[in-house]
Amino acid sequence: MIKIEIPTPDVVITKSNTVGEESEGDLSSVYGFTDYRNIPRDKGGIFMFYNINEQLLYVGKARKLRQRIKKNFEDNLSPIRKYRDEVHKITVCEIEDPMEREIYETYIINTLEAKYNIDKVFYK
């Protein structure tokens, strides 16, 4: 039997309560998330969106994390387009190997029962 553990997040960002206000110094605010620039631009991995109650909403994988996360908030075809306002926290795990990303994504979706992932669900 193969033992898989959910990786520890490399980056965690939380939605700010002060959307639209200037933030101090190096902090960026994209879609209400401060420290958005801490998400790696050219690294692959998995990302998880949580609501304010720490319930997992969506898990995704990407070759370029920052671009993919941003696309989820801009694209009209995004699986979370109707639920963007629910996202309160984003966690990111850097995983370069594409096969590992696929395995972790499927494992996390089914272990933590992601609310809005419908394509890789085996727990229902």
N, C-alpha and C. Protein backbone atom coordinates (compact mmCIF):
# COMPACT_ATOMS: atom_id res chain seq x y z
N MET A 1 0.84 -1.18 0.00
CA MET A 1 0.00 0.00 0.00
C MET A 1 0.88 1.25 0.00
N ILE A 2 0.50 2.22 -0.77
CA ILE A 2 1.24 3.48 -0.86
C ILE A 2 0.70 4.44 0.18
N LYS A 3 1.61 5.06 0.93
CA LYS A 3 1.19 6.03 1.94
C LYS A 3 1.45 7.44 1.40
N ILE A 4 0.41 8.24 1.31
CA ILE A 4 0.50 9.61 0.83
C ILE A 4 0.13 10.54 1.97
N GLU A 5 0.92 11.57 2.17
CA GLU A 5 0.60 12.58 3.17
C GLU A 5 0.41 13.92 2.46
N ILE A 6 -0.51 14.70 2.95
CA ILE A 6 -0.76 16.02 2.39
C ILE A 6 0.45 16.89 2.70
N PRO A 7 1.05 17.51 1.67
CA PRO A 7 2.25 18.32 1.91
C PRO A 7 1.95 19.57 2.73
N THR A 8 2.96 20.01 3.45
CA THR A 8 2.85 21.25 4.22
C THR A 8 2.91 22.43 3.25
N PRO A 9 2.01 23.40 3.39
CA PRO A 9 2.00 24.54 2.47
C PRO A 9 3.29 25.36 2.55
N ASP A 10 3.77 25.81 1.39
CA ASP A 10 4.94 26.69 1.33
C ASP A 10 4.52 28.15 1.48
N VAL A 11 3.31 28.47 1.03
CA VAL A 11 2.79 29.84 1.10
C VAL A 11 1.33 29.78 1.53
N VAL A 12 0.95 30.64 2.46
CA VAL A 12 -0.44 30.79 2.88
C VAL A 12 -0.76 32.27 2.85
N ILE A 13 -1.79 32.64 2.10
CA ILE A 13 -2.23 34.04 2.09
C ILE A 13 -3.71 34.09 2.45
N THR A 14 -4.09 35.16 3.12
CA THR A 14 -5.46 35.32 3.60
C THR A 14 -6.03 36.63 3.06
N LYS A 15 -7.31 36.60 2.79
CA LYS A 15 -8.00 37.80 2.28
C LYS A 15 -7.99 38.88 3.35
N SER A 16 -7.70 40.06 2.93
CA SER A 16 -7.66 41.21 3.82
C SER A 16 -9.06 41.78 4.01
N ASN A 17 -9.30 42.34 5.16
CA ASN A 17 -10.59 42.99 5.42
C ASN A 17 -10.65 44.39 4.83
N THR A 18 -9.50 44.91 4.42
CA THR A 18 -9.43 46.28 3.92
C THR A 18 -9.23 46.29 2.42
N VAL A 19 -10.15 45.71 1.68
CA VAL A 19 -10.07 45.68 0.22
C VAL A 19 -10.23 47.09 -0.32
N GLY A 20 -9.37 47.46 -1.26
CA GLY A 20 -9.46 48.77 -1.89
C GLY A 20 -8.62 49.83 -1.22
N GLU A 21 -8.16 49.59 0.00
CA GLU A 21 -7.30 50.55 0.67
C GLU A 21 -5.86 50.26 0.32
N GLU A 22 -5.03 51.31 0.40
CA GLU A 22 -3.62 51.12 0.13
C GLU A 22 -3.02 50.27 1.23
N SER A 23 -2.13 49.37 0.83
CA SER A 23 -1.45 48.56 1.82
C SER A 23 -0.04 49.10 1.99
N GLU A 24 0.60 48.72 3.06
CA GLU A 24 1.90 49.27 3.36
C GLU A 24 3.01 48.61 2.55
N GLY A 25 3.98 49.42 2.13
CA GLY A 25 5.20 48.98 1.51
C GLY A 25 5.12 47.89 0.47
N ASP A 26 5.72 46.73 0.80
CA ASP A 26 5.89 45.65 -0.16
C ASP A 26 4.65 44.79 -0.34
N LEU A 27 3.61 45.00 0.44
CA LEU A 27 2.43 44.14 0.33
C LEU A 27 1.66 44.46 -0.93
N SER A 28 1.24 43.44 -1.62
CA SER A 28 0.37 43.64 -2.77
C SER A 28 -1.02 43.17 -2.39
N SER A 29 -2.02 43.68 -3.06
CA SER A 29 -3.38 43.26 -2.80
C SER A 29 -4.04 42.93 -4.12
N VAL A 30 -4.21 41.65 -4.39
CA VAL A 30 -4.86 41.20 -5.61
C VAL A 30 -6.09 40.41 -5.20
N TYR A 31 -7.26 40.85 -5.64
CA TYR A 31 -8.53 40.22 -5.30
C TYR A 31 -8.73 40.15 -3.79
N GLY A 32 -8.18 41.14 -3.07
CA GLY A 32 -8.35 41.20 -1.62
C GLY A 32 -7.31 40.41 -0.86
N PHE A 33 -6.38 39.74 -1.54
CA PHE A 33 -5.36 38.95 -0.86
C PHE A 33 -4.07 39.75 -0.76
N THR A 34 -3.65 40.02 0.45
CA THR A 34 -2.36 40.67 0.63
C THR A 34 -1.27 39.62 0.49
N ASP A 35 -0.10 40.04 0.18
CA ASP A 35 1.05 39.14 -0.03
C ASP A 35 0.84 38.21 -1.22
N TYR A 36 0.05 38.61 -2.20
CA TYR A 36 -0.18 37.80 -3.40
C TYR A 36 1.13 37.50 -4.11
N ARG A 37 2.07 38.44 -4.04
CA ARG A 37 3.35 38.25 -4.74
C ARG A 37 4.20 37.15 -4.12
N ASN A 38 3.83 36.66 -2.94
CA ASN A 38 4.57 35.55 -2.34
C ASN A 38 4.31 34.22 -3.03
N ILE A 39 3.27 34.17 -3.84
CA ILE A 39 2.99 32.95 -4.61
C ILE A 39 4.01 32.89 -5.74
N PRO A 40 4.73 31.76 -5.87
CA PRO A 40 5.77 31.66 -6.90
C PRO A 40 5.22 31.86 -8.30
N ARG A 41 5.95 32.59 -9.09
CA ARG A 41 5.53 32.90 -10.46
C ARG A 41 5.87 31.76 -11.42
N ASP A 42 7.06 31.19 -11.30
CA ASP A 42 7.53 30.21 -12.27
C ASP A 42 7.74 28.82 -11.69
N LYS A 43 7.01 28.49 -10.65
CA LYS A 43 7.11 27.16 -10.05
C LYS A 43 5.77 26.46 -10.15
N GLY A 44 5.84 25.14 -10.24
CA GLY A 44 4.64 24.33 -10.31
C GLY A 44 4.23 23.84 -8.93
N GLY A 45 2.99 23.42 -8.81
CA GLY A 45 2.52 22.89 -7.54
C GLY A 45 1.02 22.75 -7.49
N ILE A 46 0.52 22.66 -6.28
CA ILE A 46 -0.92 22.58 -6.06
C ILE A 46 -1.34 23.75 -5.19
N PHE A 47 -2.60 24.15 -5.34
CA PHE A 47 -3.14 25.23 -4.52
C PHE A 47 -4.49 24.81 -4.00
N MET A 48 -4.84 25.35 -2.84
CA MET A 48 -6.11 25.02 -2.20
C MET A 48 -6.79 26.31 -1.76
N PHE A 49 -8.07 26.43 -2.08
CA PHE A 49 -8.88 27.56 -1.66
C PHE A 49 -9.75 27.14 -0.49
N TYR A 50 -9.76 27.94 0.57
CA TYR A 50 -10.57 27.67 1.76
C TYR A 50 -11.52 28.83 2.01
N ASN A 51 -12.65 28.55 2.65
CA ASN A 51 -13.54 29.63 3.05
C ASN A 51 -13.16 30.12 4.44
N ILE A 52 -13.92 31.05 4.98
CA ILE A 52 -13.60 31.66 6.27
C ILE A 52 -13.68 30.65 7.42
N ASN A 53 -14.43 29.56 7.21
CA ASN A 53 -14.57 28.52 8.23
C ASN A 53 -13.57 27.38 8.07
N GLU A 54 -12.53 27.61 7.24
CA GLU A 54 -11.48 26.61 6.99
C GLU A 54 -11.99 25.38 6.25
N GLN A 55 -13.13 25.48 5.57
CA GLN A 55 -13.63 24.38 4.75
C GLN A 55 -12.95 24.45 3.38
N LEU A 56 -12.43 23.32 2.91
CA LEU A 56 -11.77 23.27 1.61
C LEU A 56 -12.81 23.43 0.51
N LEU A 57 -12.59 24.44 -0.34
CA LEU A 57 -13.51 24.70 -1.43
C LEU A 57 -13.05 24.09 -2.74
N TYR A 58 -11.76 24.24 -3.04
CA TYR A 58 -11.27 23.82 -4.35
C TYR A 58 -9.78 23.52 -4.28
N VAL A 59 -9.36 22.50 -5.01
CA VAL A 59 -7.95 22.13 -5.14
C VAL A 59 -7.60 22.15 -6.61
N GLY A 60 -6.46 22.72 -6.95
CA GLY A 60 -6.01 22.74 -8.33
C GLY A 60 -4.52 22.54 -8.42
N LYS A 61 -4.05 22.29 -9.63
CA LYS A 61 -2.62 22.12 -9.86
C LYS A 61 -2.22 23.04 -11.00
N ALA A 62 -0.92 23.36 -11.07
CA ALA A 62 -0.47 24.27 -12.11
C ALA A 62 1.02 24.13 -12.36
N ARG A 63 1.42 24.40 -13.59
CA ARG A 63 2.86 24.47 -13.92
C ARG A 63 3.41 25.81 -13.45
N LYS A 64 2.57 26.85 -13.49
CA LYS A 64 2.95 28.19 -13.03
C LYS A 64 1.86 28.65 -12.08
N LEU A 65 2.15 28.59 -10.80
CA LEU A 65 1.13 28.76 -9.77
C LEU A 65 0.44 30.13 -9.79
N ARG A 66 1.21 31.21 -9.79
CA ARG A 66 0.59 32.54 -9.68
C ARG A 66 -0.37 32.81 -10.82
N GLN A 67 0.04 32.45 -12.05
CA GLN A 67 -0.82 32.68 -13.21
C GLN A 67 -2.12 31.87 -13.12
N ARG A 68 -2.01 30.63 -12.66
CA ARG A 68 -3.19 29.76 -12.59
C ARG A 68 -4.16 30.23 -11.53
N ILE A 69 -3.63 30.65 -10.38
CA ILE A 69 -4.50 31.14 -9.31
C ILE A 69 -5.21 32.42 -9.76
N LYS A 70 -4.46 33.30 -10.40
CA LYS A 70 -5.06 34.55 -10.89
C LYS A 70 -6.16 34.25 -11.91
N LYS A 71 -5.92 33.25 -12.76
CA LYS A 71 -6.90 32.89 -13.79
C LYS A 71 -8.22 32.42 -13.15
N ASN A 72 -8.14 31.76 -12.01
CA ASN A 72 -9.36 31.31 -11.32
C ASN A 72 -10.23 32.49 -10.89
N PHE A 73 -9.62 33.66 -10.67
CA PHE A 73 -10.38 34.82 -10.24
C PHE A 73 -10.82 35.70 -11.42
N GLU A 74 -10.26 35.47 -12.60
CA GLU A 74 -10.59 36.31 -13.75
C GLU A 74 -11.40 35.60 -14.82
N ASP A 75 -11.18 34.31 -15.01
CA ASP A 75 -11.73 33.56 -16.13
C ASP A 75 -13.21 33.24 -15.92
N ASN A 76 -14.01 33.42 -16.95
CA ASN A 76 -15.43 33.10 -16.88
C ASN A 76 -15.70 31.60 -16.96
N LEU A 77 -14.68 30.80 -17.29
CA LEU A 77 -14.82 29.35 -17.35
C LEU A 77 -14.27 28.66 -16.10
N SER A 78 -13.79 29.42 -15.15
CA SER A 78 -13.23 28.86 -13.93
C SER A 78 -14.28 28.06 -13.16
N PRO A 79 -13.89 26.90 -12.62
CA PRO A 79 -14.85 26.09 -11.85
C PRO A 79 -15.37 26.80 -10.60
N ILE A 80 -14.66 27.81 -10.13
CA ILE A 80 -15.13 28.51 -8.93
C ILE A 80 -15.68 29.90 -9.24
N ARG A 81 -16.00 30.17 -10.51
CA ARG A 81 -16.43 31.52 -10.89
C ARG A 81 -17.62 32.03 -10.07
N LYS A 82 -18.53 31.15 -9.68
CA LYS A 82 -19.70 31.57 -8.91
C LYS A 82 -19.41 31.69 -7.43
N TYR A 83 -18.25 31.19 -7.01
CA TYR A 83 -17.94 31.10 -5.58
C TYR A 83 -16.69 31.88 -5.19
N ARG A 84 -16.23 32.77 -6.05
CA ARG A 84 -14.99 33.52 -5.79
C ARG A 84 -15.04 34.30 -4.48
N ASP A 85 -16.19 34.85 -4.16
CA ASP A 85 -16.31 35.65 -2.95
C ASP A 85 -16.19 34.81 -1.68
N GLU A 86 -16.38 33.51 -1.81
CA GLU A 86 -16.27 32.61 -0.66
C GLU A 86 -14.82 32.36 -0.26
N VAL A 87 -13.90 32.50 -1.20
CA VAL A 87 -12.50 32.19 -0.94
C VAL A 87 -11.92 33.20 0.04
N HIS A 88 -11.42 32.69 1.17
CA HIS A 88 -10.84 33.53 2.21
C HIS A 88 -9.35 33.28 2.39
N LYS A 89 -8.92 32.05 2.10
CA LYS A 89 -7.52 31.69 2.30
C LYS A 89 -7.05 30.83 1.13
N ILE A 90 -5.80 31.07 0.71
CA ILE A 90 -5.18 30.27 -0.34
C ILE A 90 -3.90 29.67 0.22
N THR A 91 -3.75 28.35 0.08
CA THR A 91 -2.49 27.71 0.45
C THR A 91 -1.86 27.15 -0.81
N VAL A 92 -0.53 27.20 -0.86
CA VAL A 92 0.21 26.78 -2.04
C VAL A 92 1.33 25.83 -1.61
N CYS A 93 1.44 24.71 -2.32
CA CYS A 93 2.52 23.74 -2.09
C CYS A 93 3.30 23.61 -3.39
N GLU A 94 4.59 23.89 -3.36
CA GLU A 94 5.42 23.78 -4.55
C GLU A 94 5.77 22.32 -4.79
N ILE A 95 5.38 21.82 -5.96
CA ILE A 95 5.65 20.44 -6.37
C ILE A 95 5.98 20.50 -7.86
N GLU A 96 7.22 20.25 -8.19
CA GLU A 96 7.65 20.40 -9.58
C GLU A 96 7.26 19.23 -10.48
N ASP A 97 7.24 18.03 -9.97
CA ASP A 97 6.96 16.86 -10.80
C ASP A 97 5.47 16.80 -11.17
N PRO A 98 5.13 16.78 -12.47
CA PRO A 98 3.73 16.77 -12.89
C PRO A 98 2.93 15.56 -12.38
N MET A 99 3.56 14.40 -12.33
CA MET A 99 2.87 13.20 -11.85
C MET A 99 2.55 13.32 -10.36
N GLU A 100 3.49 13.86 -9.59
CA GLU A 100 3.24 14.07 -8.16
C GLU A 100 2.11 15.06 -7.95
N ARG A 101 2.08 16.13 -8.76
CA ARG A 101 0.99 17.12 -8.65
C ARG A 101 -0.36 16.46 -8.86
N GLU A 102 -0.45 15.62 -9.87
CA GLU A 102 -1.69 14.92 -10.19
C GLU A 102 -2.12 14.02 -9.03
N ILE A 103 -1.18 13.29 -8.47
CA ILE A 103 -1.48 12.38 -7.36
C ILE A 103 -1.94 13.15 -6.13
N TYR A 104 -1.20 14.19 -5.77
CA TYR A 104 -1.58 15.00 -4.61
C TYR A 104 -2.93 15.66 -4.79
N GLU A 105 -3.18 16.21 -5.97
CA GLU A 105 -4.46 16.88 -6.22
C GLU A 105 -5.62 15.90 -6.02
N THR A 106 -5.55 14.74 -6.65
CA THR A 106 -6.62 13.75 -6.53
C THR A 106 -6.77 13.27 -5.09
N TYR A 107 -5.64 13.04 -4.42
CA TYR A 107 -5.67 12.58 -3.03
C TYR A 107 -6.33 13.61 -2.11
N ILE A 108 -5.95 14.87 -2.25
CA ILE A 108 -6.49 15.93 -1.39
C ILE A 108 -7.97 16.14 -1.67
N ILE A 109 -8.37 16.15 -2.93
CA ILE A 109 -9.79 16.32 -3.28
C ILE A 109 -10.63 15.28 -2.57
N ASN A 110 -10.17 14.05 -2.57
CA ASN A 110 -10.97 12.95 -2.02
C ASN A 110 -10.80 12.76 -0.52
N THR A 111 -9.65 13.10 0.03
CA THR A 111 -9.43 12.95 1.46
C THR A 111 -10.12 14.07 2.23
N LEU A 112 -9.96 15.31 1.76
CA LEU A 112 -10.54 16.46 2.46
C LEU A 112 -11.90 16.86 1.89
N GLU A 113 -12.37 16.14 0.89
CA GLU A 113 -13.68 16.36 0.28
C GLU A 113 -13.90 17.81 -0.14
N ALA A 114 -13.10 18.24 -1.12
CA ALA A 114 -13.20 19.59 -1.65
C ALA A 114 -14.61 19.84 -2.19
N LYS A 115 -15.18 20.95 -1.80
CA LYS A 115 -16.59 21.25 -2.08
C LYS A 115 -16.89 21.44 -3.57
N TYR A 116 -16.01 22.11 -4.32
CA TYR A 116 -16.32 22.46 -5.70
C TYR A 116 -15.51 21.71 -6.75
N ASN A 117 -14.73 20.73 -6.36
CA ASN A 117 -14.07 19.85 -7.34
C ASN A 117 -15.06 18.76 -7.71
N ILE A 118 -15.38 18.66 -8.98
CA ILE A 118 -16.36 17.64 -9.38
C ILE A 118 -15.78 16.61 -10.33
N ASP A 119 -14.62 16.91 -10.93
CA ASP A 119 -14.08 16.03 -11.95
C ASP A 119 -13.27 14.84 -11.43
N LYS A 120 -12.78 14.89 -10.19
CA LYS A 120 -11.94 13.81 -9.68
C LYS A 120 -12.47 13.25 -8.36
N VAL A 121 -13.76 13.28 -8.20
CA VAL A 121 -14.38 12.89 -6.93
C VAL A 121 -14.67 11.39 -6.94
N PHE A 122 -14.16 10.71 -5.90
CA PHE A 122 -14.42 9.29 -5.73
C PHE A 122 -15.15 9.01 -4.42
N TYR A 123 -15.31 10.03 -3.56
CA TYR A 123 -15.87 9.81 -2.23
C TYR A 123 -17.38 9.83 -2.17
N LYS A 124 -18.07 10.23 -3.24
CA LYS A 124 -19.54 10.31 -3.18
C LYS A 124 -20.19 8.99 -3.48
